[in-house]
Amino acid sequence: MYFILTNTLSILAIIVMFIGSIVIEKFSYKRLTIYNITVLGVLTALSIIFTNIIGYNINIMGSRFMIGNFIIFLAGMLFGPIAGILNGIAADLVGTIINSAGQFNAGFMLIKVVYGVMGALVFLDRKNSWWIFKSTIYMGIALFLHLMVLNPLLMITTYTEVSSFETFFQYYWLNLMGAFPKPGVPKPLLFIIELPIYVSSSVVSFRVIYFSVARIPNRQGTIWCAKSGDLGSILRKKKKVLAIEHQENNMISHQKDLQEINPDE
C-alpha cells in the first residue's frame, strides 16, 4: 500500500514540477538548438555513467556516493528546469535498466528531478552576481531533501510494513543514523561530505562550459543561464588570463628577437 502511495505521489510531484517549469521557463522551440541538444545529451550520458556505473561501485562504509547528481544539477543551471527534469528522468530510467535487480520506484526519479529543478533556480531571477552562493544554497536544499527526507521515506516504505507513527519514526531515525536498511554512513555526515564536493564540482564544471556558452550570438534567447545577461565575473577572469598569456607570449617573442639580433650575447 505505502509503496503504491509513494510512487503515485512521486509521479504527481514530477508532473506538477514539469508543468510549473513550462510556465516559468516560457518554453520556446528556439531553445532546441544544436548546441543545447548536444551539450544536454552529453550531460545526460555523464550523469548516467557517474551515477549508475561509477556511483554504484563507490562503496564507502556501506554507503554509495551518487556523484552523478551534481551533473543533473548542472544541466538545470545551464539549460533550465525542463532540461533538468528531463535529465533526471533519463538518468533514472536508464539506471533502472542497467541495475535491473531492484524494482522501479518513482520516488528515486523524483530525487533526481529535484536536483535538476534546484539547479535551474540558481538563474531564476535577474541577479547573476551571487550565482555561486545561490548554487550552494540550492544544492544544499536538494541534498537535504534527498538524504534527510525522500531517501529515508522511500527506504521505509520499500523495506518495511509501517503500522504506526511510532514505528515510522523509529525506522526514520535508524535510517538517518545509517543503521537501516543496511549499515552505512549516517546521513548528516554524508550531507557534510557530499555538499562541498557537489558544489565545487558544479561550479568548476559550469565555469568551463560557460566559456563556450559566451561564444553563442543569440544566447540570451536560447540558453537559460544567459537569459539575464552574461556572467561578467567569469568572462573578466578569462580576459585577464588571456591578457597575461598574451603578455607572456610577447615577452618570449621579444627575447627571441633580441637573441637573433645579438647572437653572441
C-alpha atoms as a PDB file:
ATOM      1  CA  MET A   1       0.000   0.000   0.000  1.00  0.00           C
ATOM      2  CA  TYR A   2       2.669   2.514   1.048  1.00  0.00           C
ATOM      3  CA  PHE A   3       4.816   1.537  -1.944  1.00  0.00           C
ATOM      4  CA  ILE A   4       1.961   2.325  -4.345  1.00  0.00           C
ATOM      5  CA  LEU A   5       1.181   5.547  -2.481  1.00  0.00           C
ATOM      6  CA  THR A   6       4.764   6.854  -2.629  1.00  0.00           C
ATOM      7  CA  ASN A   7       5.007   6.003  -6.340  1.00  0.00           C
ATOM      8  CA  THR A   8       1.744   7.781  -7.090  1.00  0.00           C
ATOM      9  CA  LEU A   9       2.668  10.890  -5.107  1.00  0.00           C
ATOM     10  CA  SER A  10       6.145  10.983  -6.671  1.00  0.00           C
ATOM     11  CA  ILE A  11       4.746  10.807 -10.213  1.00  0.00           C
ATOM     12  CA  LEU A  12       2.239  13.554  -9.406  1.00  0.00           C
ATOM     13  CA  ALA A  13       5.033  15.709  -7.961  1.00  0.00           C
ATOM     14  CA  ILE A  14       7.120  15.243 -11.121  1.00  0.00           C
ATOM     15  CA  ILE A  15       4.148  16.173 -13.328  1.00  0.00           C
ATOM     16  CA  VAL A  16       3.433  19.287 -11.244  1.00  0.00           C
ATOM     17  CA  MET A  17       7.087  20.386 -11.404  1.00  0.00           C
ATOM     18  CA  PHE A  18       7.182  19.772 -15.157  1.00  0.00           C
ATOM     19  CA  ILE A  19       4.056  21.887 -15.744  1.00  0.00           C
ATOM     20  CA  GLY A  20       5.412  24.570 -13.427  1.00  0.00           C
ATOM     21  CA  SER A  21       8.714  24.542 -15.319  1.00  0.00           C
ATOM     22  CA  ILE A  22       6.929  25.113 -18.633  1.00  0.00           C
ATOM     23  CA  VAL A  23       5.144  28.120 -17.128  1.00  0.00           C
ATOM     24  CA  ILE A  24       8.284  29.566 -15.509  1.00  0.00           C
ATOM     25  CA  GLU A  25      10.596  28.956 -18.437  1.00  0.00           C
ATOM     26  CA  LYS A  26       8.069  30.086 -21.082  1.00  0.00           C
ATOM     27  CA  PHE A  27       9.365  27.282 -23.264  1.00  0.00           C
ATOM     28  CA  SER A  28      10.000  28.060 -26.917  1.00  0.00           C
ATOM     29  CA  TYR A  29      11.239  25.855 -29.741  1.00  0.00           C
ATOM     30  CA  LYS A  30      14.024  28.424 -30.205  1.00  0.00           C
ATOM     31  CA  ARG A  31      15.737  26.723 -27.270  1.00  0.00           C
ATOM     32  CA  LEU A  32      16.017  23.478 -29.238  1.00  0.00           C
ATOM     33  CA  THR A  33      19.323  24.462 -30.830  1.00  0.00           C
ATOM     34  CA  ILE A  34      22.034  22.050 -31.923  1.00  0.00           C
ATOM     35  CA  TYR A  35      24.288  23.346 -29.137  1.00  0.00           C
ATOM     36  CA  ASN A  36      21.667  22.857 -26.412  1.00  0.00           C
ATOM     37  CA  ILE A  37      20.701  19.367 -27.572  1.00  0.00           C
ATOM     38  CA  THR A  38      24.342  18.281 -27.933  1.00  0.00           C
ATOM     39  CA  VAL A  39      25.549  19.533 -24.548  1.00  0.00           C
ATOM     40  CA  LEU A  40      22.423  18.308 -22.753  1.00  0.00           C
ATOM     41  CA  GLY A  41      22.857  14.882 -24.356  1.00  0.00           C
ATOM     42  CA  VAL A  42      26.463  14.718 -23.166  1.00  0.00           C
ATOM     43  CA  LEU A  43      25.464  15.791 -19.635  1.00  0.00           C
ATOM     44  CA  THR A  44      22.698  13.191 -19.557  1.00  0.00           C
ATOM     45  CA  ALA A  45      25.141  10.472 -20.612  1.00  0.00           C
ATOM     46  CA  LEU A  46      27.652  11.610 -17.984  1.00  0.00           C
ATOM     47  CA  SER A  47      25.014  11.663 -15.228  1.00  0.00           C
ATOM     48  CA  ILE A  48      24.044   8.092 -16.146  1.00  0.00           C
ATOM     49  CA  ILE A  49      27.669   6.927 -16.124  1.00  0.00           C
ATOM     50  CA  PHE A  50      28.651   8.717 -12.906  1.00  0.00           C
ATOM     51  CA  THR A  51      25.520   7.681 -11.011  1.00  0.00           C
ATOM     52  CA  ASN A  52      24.682   4.193 -12.210  1.00  0.00           C
ATOM     53  CA  ILE A  53      28.059   2.788 -13.240  1.00  0.00           C
ATOM     54  CA  ILE A  54      30.680   4.607 -11.174  1.00  0.00           C
ATOM     55  CA  GLY A  55      28.440   5.629  -8.256  1.00  0.00           C
ATOM     56  CA  TYR A  56      27.147   2.137  -7.540  1.00  0.00           C
ATOM     57  CA  ASN A  57      30.732   0.877  -7.384  1.00  0.00           C
ATOM     58  CA  ILE A  58      31.875   3.537  -4.894  1.00  0.00           C
ATOM     59  CA  ASN A  59      31.003   1.906  -1.587  1.00  0.00           C
ATOM     60  CA  ILE A  60      32.456   3.581   1.500  1.00  0.00           C
ATOM     61  CA  MET A  61      31.433   2.133   4.869  1.00  0.00           C
ATOM     62  CA  GLY A  62      28.305   0.653   3.310  1.00  0.00           C
ATOM     63  CA  SER A  63      27.134   3.896   1.655  1.00  0.00           C
ATOM     64  CA  ARG A  64      27.108   4.641  -2.065  1.00  0.00           C
ATOM     65  CA  PHE A  65      28.067   8.051  -3.399  1.00  0.00           C
ATOM     66  CA  MET A  66      25.822   9.046  -6.308  1.00  0.00           C
ATOM     67  CA  ILE A  67      28.290  11.584  -7.699  1.00  0.00           C
ATOM     68  CA  GLY A  68      26.307  11.986 -10.924  1.00  0.00           C
ATOM     69  CA  ASN A  69      23.641  14.039  -9.150  1.00  0.00           C
ATOM     70  CA  PHE A  70      25.711  17.202  -9.478  1.00  0.00           C
ATOM     71  CA  ILE A  71      25.618  16.810 -13.284  1.00  0.00           C
ATOM     72  CA  ILE A  72      21.805  16.817 -13.206  1.00  0.00           C
ATOM     73  CA  PHE A  73      22.021  19.992 -11.097  1.00  0.00           C
ATOM     74  CA  LEU A  74      24.464  21.422 -13.662  1.00  0.00           C
ATOM     75  CA  ALA A  75      22.072  20.647 -16.540  1.00  0.00           C
ATOM     76  CA  GLY A  76      19.375  22.637 -14.749  1.00  0.00           C
ATOM     77  CA  MET A  77      21.770  25.549 -14.178  1.00  0.00           C
ATOM     78  CA  LEU A  78      22.724  25.711 -17.841  1.00  0.00           C
ATOM     79  CA  PHE A  79      19.507  24.963 -19.698  1.00  0.00           C
ATOM     80  CA  GLY A  80      16.648  25.500 -17.256  1.00  0.00           C
ATOM     81  CA  PRO A  81      14.156  23.427 -15.246  1.00  0.00           C
ATOM     82  CA  ILE A  82      12.724  21.448 -18.179  1.00  0.00           C
ATOM     83  CA  ALA A  83      16.189  20.261 -19.183  1.00  0.00           C
ATOM     84  CA  GLY A  84      16.988  19.424 -15.558  1.00  0.00           C
ATOM     85  CA  ILE A  85      13.798  17.379 -15.217  1.00  0.00           C
ATOM     86  CA  LEU A  86      14.392  15.504 -18.483  1.00  0.00           C
ATOM     87  CA  ASN A  87      17.992  14.801 -17.473  1.00  0.00           C
ATOM     88  CA  GLY A  88      16.854  13.427 -14.123  1.00  0.00           C
ATOM     89  CA  ILE A  89      14.142  11.249 -15.680  1.00  0.00           C
ATOM     90  CA  ALA A  90      16.533   9.858 -18.310  1.00  0.00           C
ATOM     91  CA  ALA A  91      19.246   9.147 -15.731  1.00  0.00           C
ATOM     92  CA  ASP A  92      16.803   7.263 -13.500  1.00  0.00           C
ATOM     93  CA  LEU A  93      15.141   5.254 -16.278  1.00  0.00           C
ATOM     94  CA  VAL A  94      18.431   4.139 -17.822  1.00  0.00           C
ATOM     95  CA  GLY A  95      19.792   3.431 -14.351  1.00  0.00           C
ATOM     96  CA  THR A  96      16.800   1.220 -13.611  1.00  0.00           C
ATOM     97  CA  ILE A  97      17.507  -0.740 -16.798  1.00  0.00           C
ATOM     98  CA  ILE A  98      21.226  -1.059 -16.019  1.00  0.00           C
ATOM     99  CA  ASN A  99      20.642  -2.081 -12.397  1.00  0.00           C
ATOM    100  CA  SER A 100      17.651  -4.296 -13.080  1.00  0.00           C
ATOM    101  CA  ALA A 101      17.993  -6.181  -9.780  1.00  0.00           C
ATOM    102  CA  GLY A 102      15.731  -3.729  -7.965  1.00  0.00           C
ATOM    103  CA  GLN A 103      12.136  -2.705  -8.658  1.00  0.00           C
ATOM    104  CA  PHE A 104      11.233   0.657 -10.164  1.00  0.00           C
ATOM    105  CA  ASN A 105      10.295   3.358  -7.691  1.00  0.00           C
ATOM    106  CA  ALA A 106       9.280   6.792  -8.957  1.00  0.00           C
ATOM    107  CA  GLY A 107      10.478   8.287  -5.679  1.00  0.00           C
ATOM    108  CA  PHE A 108      14.107   7.846  -6.713  1.00  0.00           C
ATOM    109  CA  MET A 109      13.282   9.527 -10.021  1.00  0.00           C
ATOM    110  CA  LEU A 110      11.787  12.395  -8.019  1.00  0.00           C
ATOM    111  CA  ILE A 111      15.085  12.800  -6.155  1.00  0.00           C
ATOM    112  CA  LYS A 112      16.964  13.296  -9.426  1.00  0.00           C
ATOM    113  CA  VAL A 113      14.286  15.642 -10.761  1.00  0.00           C
ATOM    114  CA  VAL A 114      14.644  17.780  -7.625  1.00  0.00           C
ATOM    115  CA  TYR A 115      18.358  18.234  -8.369  1.00  0.00           C
ATOM    116  CA  GLY A 116      17.553  19.431 -11.895  1.00  0.00           C
ATOM    117  CA  VAL A 117      14.892  21.891 -10.741  1.00  0.00           C
ATOM    118  CA  MET A 118      17.050  23.278  -7.929  1.00  0.00           C
ATOM    119  CA  GLY A 119      19.893  23.844 -10.377  1.00  0.00           C
ATOM    120  CA  ALA A 120      17.597  25.907 -12.597  1.00  0.00           C
ATOM    121  CA  LEU A 121      16.557  28.118  -9.662  1.00  0.00           C
ATOM    122  CA  VAL A 122      20.106  29.498  -9.474  1.00  0.00           C
ATOM    123  CA  PHE A 123      19.364  31.696 -12.509  1.00  0.00           C
ATOM    124  CA  LEU A 124      15.646  32.194 -11.968  1.00  0.00           C
ATOM    125  CA  ASP A 125      15.968  35.902 -11.132  1.00  0.00           C
ATOM    126  CA  ARG A 126      17.950  38.621 -12.892  1.00  0.00           C
ATOM    127  CA  LYS A 127      20.753  38.909 -10.331  1.00  0.00           C
ATOM    128  CA  ASN A 128      23.674  36.816 -11.530  1.00  0.00           C
ATOM    129  CA  SER A 129      26.365  38.239  -9.252  1.00  0.00           C
ATOM    130  CA  TRP A 130      25.554  35.822  -6.395  1.00  0.00           C
ATOM    131  CA  TRP A 131      25.342  32.679  -8.531  1.00  0.00           C
ATOM    132  CA  ILE A 132      27.983  30.730  -6.558  1.00  0.00           C
ATOM    133  CA  PHE A 133      26.245  31.493  -3.260  1.00  0.00           C
ATOM    134  CA  LYS A 134      22.870  30.532  -4.731  1.00  0.00           C
ATOM    135  CA  SER A 135      24.380  27.338  -6.137  1.00  0.00           C
ATOM    136  CA  THR A 136      25.490  26.404  -2.626  1.00  0.00           C
ATOM    137  CA  ILE A 137      22.067  27.156  -1.133  1.00  0.00           C
ATOM    138  CA  TYR A 138      20.030  25.303  -3.748  1.00  0.00           C
ATOM    139  CA  MET A 139      22.408  22.350  -3.826  1.00  0.00           C
ATOM    140  CA  GLY A 140      22.116  22.208  -0.044  1.00  0.00           C
ATOM    141  CA  ILE A 141      18.311  22.171  -0.296  1.00  0.00           C
ATOM    142  CA  ALA A 142      18.373  19.416  -2.931  1.00  0.00           C
ATOM    143  CA  LEU A 143      20.835  17.318  -0.937  1.00  0.00           C
ATOM    144  CA  PHE A 144      18.860  17.826   2.287  1.00  0.00           C
ATOM    145  CA  LEU A 145      15.621  16.709   0.629  1.00  0.00           C
ATOM    146  CA  HIS A 146      17.476  13.744  -0.849  1.00  0.00           C
ATOM    147  CA  LEU A 147      19.262  12.481   2.263  1.00  0.00           C
ATOM    148  CA  MET A 148      17.014  13.630   5.099  1.00  0.00           C
ATOM    149  CA  VAL A 149      13.501  13.427   3.640  1.00  0.00           C
ATOM    150  CA  LEU A 150      12.935  11.470   0.434  1.00  0.00           C
ATOM    151  CA  ASN A 151      15.501   8.691   0.750  1.00  0.00           C
ATOM    152  CA  PRO A 152      14.506   7.677   4.329  1.00  0.00           C
ATOM    153  CA  LEU A 153      10.825   7.761   3.357  1.00  0.00           C
ATOM    154  CA  LEU A 154      11.448   5.564   0.319  1.00  0.00           C
ATOM    155  CA  MET A 155      13.594   3.114   2.273  1.00  0.00           C
ATOM    156  CA  ILE A 156      10.936   2.740   4.964  1.00  0.00           C
ATOM    157  CA  THR A 157       8.042   2.226   2.546  1.00  0.00           C
ATOM    158  CA  THR A 158      10.066  -0.211   0.412  1.00  0.00           C
ATOM    159  CA  TYR A 159      11.567  -2.473   3.078  1.00  0.00           C
ATOM    160  CA  THR A 160       9.050  -2.364   5.941  1.00  0.00           C
ATOM    161  CA  GLU A 161       5.357  -2.509   6.770  1.00  0.00           C
ATOM    162  CA  VAL A 162       4.724   0.579   8.875  1.00  0.00           C
ATOM    163  CA  SER A 163       1.833   0.084  11.269  1.00  0.00           C
ATOM    164  CA  SER A 164       2.053   3.273  13.355  1.00  0.00           C
ATOM    165  CA  PHE A 165       3.720   6.680  13.531  1.00  0.00           C
ATOM    166  CA  GLU A 166       5.939   5.396  16.330  1.00  0.00           C
ATOM    167  CA  THR A 167       7.240   2.594  14.122  1.00  0.00           C
ATOM    168  CA  PHE A 168       7.755   5.039  11.256  1.00  0.00           C
ATOM    169  CA  PHE A 169       9.880   7.420  13.338  1.00  0.00           C
ATOM    170  CA  GLN A 170      11.909   4.530  14.744  1.00  0.00           C
ATOM    171  CA  TYR A 171      12.838   3.386  11.236  1.00  0.00           C
ATOM    172  CA  TYR A 172      13.356   7.004  10.162  1.00  0.00           C
ATOM    173  CA  TRP A 173      15.860   7.557  12.973  1.00  0.00           C
ATOM    174  CA  LEU A 174      17.637   4.287  12.193  1.00  0.00           C
ATOM    175  CA  ASN A 175      17.958   5.325   8.549  1.00  0.00           C
ATOM    176  CA  LEU A 176      19.359   8.738   9.457  1.00  0.00           C
ATOM    177  CA  MET A 177      21.941   7.084  11.689  1.00  0.00           C
ATOM    178  CA  GLY A 178      22.990   4.725   8.895  1.00  0.00           C
ATOM    179  CA  ALA A 179      21.654   1.561  10.541  1.00  0.00           C
ATOM    180  CA  PHE A 180      18.763   0.789   8.161  1.00  0.00           C
ATOM    181  CA  PRO A 181      18.225  -0.931   5.740  1.00  0.00           C
ATOM    182  CA  LYS A 182      21.981  -1.660   5.648  1.00  0.00           C
ATOM    183  CA  PRO A 183      24.808  -0.372   7.853  1.00  0.00           C
ATOM    184  CA  GLY A 184      26.324   2.769   6.380  1.00  0.00           C
ATOM    185  CA  VAL A 185      27.461   6.344   6.985  1.00  0.00           C
ATOM    186  CA  PRO A 186      24.990   8.484   9.000  1.00  0.00           C
ATOM    187  CA  LYS A 187      23.023  10.825   6.741  1.00  0.00           C
ATOM    188  CA  PRO A 188      24.092  14.082   8.467  1.00  0.00           C
ATOM    189  CA  LEU A 189      27.745  13.104   7.963  1.00  0.00           C
ATOM    190  CA  LEU A 190      27.011  12.222   4.318  1.00  0.00           C
ATOM    191  CA  PHE A 191      25.478  15.675   3.898  1.00  0.00           C
ATOM    192  CA  ILE A 192      28.603  17.358   5.269  1.00  0.00           C
ATOM    193  CA  ILE A 193      30.854  15.280   2.994  1.00  0.00           C
ATOM    194  CA  GLU A 194      28.833  15.478  -0.212  1.00  0.00           C
ATOM    195  CA  LEU A 195      27.763  19.147  -0.169  1.00  0.00           C
ATOM    196  CA  PRO A 196      31.226  20.698  -0.767  1.00  0.00           C
ATOM    197  CA  ILE A 197      32.025  18.009  -3.355  1.00  0.00           C
ATOM    198  CA  TYR A 198      28.788  18.601  -5.269  1.00  0.00           C
ATOM    199  CA  VAL A 199      29.014  22.398  -5.086  1.00  0.00           C
ATOM    200  CA  SER A 200      32.671  22.642  -6.131  1.00  0.00           C
ATOM    201  CA  SER A 201      32.131  20.150  -8.971  1.00  0.00           C
ATOM    202  CA  SER A 202      29.091  22.078 -10.222  1.00  0.00           C
ATOM    203  CA  VAL A 203      30.794  25.476 -10.040  1.00  0.00           C
ATOM    204  CA  VAL A 204      34.003  24.353 -11.756  1.00  0.00           C
ATOM    205  CA  SER A 205      32.104  22.482 -14.482  1.00  0.00           C
ATOM    206  CA  PHE A 206      29.797  25.443 -15.042  1.00  0.00           C
ATOM    207  CA  ARG A 207      32.737  27.824 -15.428  1.00  0.00           C
ATOM    208  CA  VAL A 208      34.323  25.588 -18.048  1.00  0.00           C
ATOM    209  CA  ILE A 209      31.128  25.117 -20.071  1.00  0.00           C
ATOM    210  CA  TYR A 210      30.177  28.794 -19.812  1.00  0.00           C
ATOM    211  CA  PHE A 211      33.165  29.807 -21.938  1.00  0.00           C
ATOM    212  CA  SER A 212      31.534  28.005 -24.871  1.00  0.00           C
ATOM    213  CA  VAL A 213      28.131  29.490 -23.972  1.00  0.00           C
ATOM    214  CA  ALA A 214      29.605  33.012 -24.183  1.00  0.00           C
ATOM    215  CA  ARG A 215      30.508  32.441 -27.845  1.00  0.00           C
ATOM    216  CA  ILE A 216      26.901  31.868 -28.934  1.00  0.00           C
ATOM    217  CA  PRO A 217      25.486  35.058 -30.549  1.00  0.00           C
ATOM    218  CA  ASN A 218      21.823  34.628 -29.519  1.00  0.00           C
ATOM    219  CA  ARG A 219      22.497  33.030 -26.128  1.00  0.00           C
ATOM    220  CA  GLN A 220      20.140  35.304 -24.155  1.00  0.00           C
ATOM    221  CA  GLY A 221      17.170  33.942 -26.081  1.00  0.00           C
ATOM    222  CA  THR A 222      18.203  30.295 -26.232  1.00  0.00           C
ATOM    223  CA  ILE A 223      20.153  29.429 -23.064  1.00  0.00           C
ATOM    224  CA  TRP A 224      18.675  29.622 -19.551  1.00  0.00           C
ATOM    225  CA  CYS A 225      21.785  30.735 -17.664  1.00  0.00           C
ATOM    226  CA  ALA A 226      22.380  33.646 -20.092  1.00  0.00           C
ATOM    227  CA  LYS A 227      18.795  34.940 -20.214  1.00  0.00           C
ATOM    228  CA  SER A 228      19.600  37.866 -17.895  1.00  0.00           C
ATOM    229  CA  GLY A 229      22.947  38.732 -19.479  1.00  0.00           C
ATOM    230  CA  ASP A 230      26.478  37.420 -19.332  1.00  0.00           C
ATOM    231  CA  LEU A 231      28.231  36.438 -16.119  1.00  0.00           C
ATOM    232  CA  GLY A 232      30.831  39.182 -16.153  1.00  0.00           C
ATOM    233  CA  SER A 233      32.842  37.713 -13.278  1.00  0.00           C
ATOM    234  CA  ILE A 234      33.680  34.600 -15.295  1.00  0.00           C
ATOM    235  CA  LEU A 235      34.364  36.446 -18.542  1.00  0.00           C
ATOM    236  CA  ARG A 236      36.525  39.093 -16.850  1.00  0.00           C
ATOM    237  CA  LYS A 237      38.706  36.417 -15.282  1.00  0.00           C
ATOM    238  CA  LYS A 238      39.005  34.740 -18.658  1.00  0.00           C
ATOM    239  CA  LYS A 239      40.030  38.017 -20.274  1.00  0.00           C
ATOM    240  CA  LYS A 240      42.654  38.584 -17.563  1.00  0.00           C
ATOM    241  CA  VAL A 241      44.096  35.128 -18.150  1.00  0.00           C
ATOM    242  CA  LEU A 242      44.190  35.723 -21.897  1.00  0.00           C
ATOM    243  CA  ALA A 243      45.825  39.126 -21.369  1.00  0.00           C
ATOM    244  CA  ILE A 244      48.517  37.609 -19.137  1.00  0.00           C
ATOM    245  CA  GLU A 245      49.156  34.831 -21.646  1.00  0.00           C
ATOM    246  CA  HIS A 246      49.372  37.426 -24.429  1.00  0.00           C
ATOM    247  CA  GLN A 247      51.927  39.450 -22.448  1.00  0.00           C
ATOM    248  CA  GLU A 248      53.992  36.346 -21.748  1.00  0.00           C
ATOM    249  CA  ASN A 249      53.954  35.382 -25.419  1.00  0.00           C
ATOM    250  CA  ASN A 250      55.034  38.897 -26.382  1.00  0.00           C
ATOM    251  CA  MET A 251      57.916  38.764 -23.890  1.00  0.00           C
ATOM    252  CA  ILE A 252      59.065  35.387 -25.206  1.00  0.00           C
ATOM    253  CA  SER A 253      58.928  36.539 -28.822  1.00  0.00           C
ATOM    254  CA  HIS A 254      60.749  39.760 -27.882  1.00  0.00           C
ATOM    255  CA  GLN A 255      63.538  37.774 -26.196  1.00  0.00           C
ATOM    256  CA  LYS A 256      63.870  35.575 -29.283  1.00  0.00           C
ATOM    257  CA  ASP A 257      64.148  38.670 -31.473  1.00  0.00           C
ATOM    258  CA  LEU A 258      66.899  40.053 -29.244  1.00  0.00           C
ATOM    259  CA  GLN A 259      68.790  36.768 -29.400  1.00  0.00           C
ATOM    260  CA  GLU A 260      68.581  36.778 -33.189  1.00  0.00           C
ATOM    261  CA  ILE A 261      69.862  40.350 -33.335  1.00  0.00           C
ATOM    262  CA  ASN A 262      72.677  39.696 -30.806  1.00  0.00           C
ATOM    263  CA  PRO A 263      73.591  36.006 -31.195  1.00  0.00           C
ATOM    264  CA  ASP A 264      76.909  36.395 -29.333  1.00  0.00           C
ATOM    265  CA  GLU A 265      75.345  37.624 -26.117  1.00  0.00           C
END
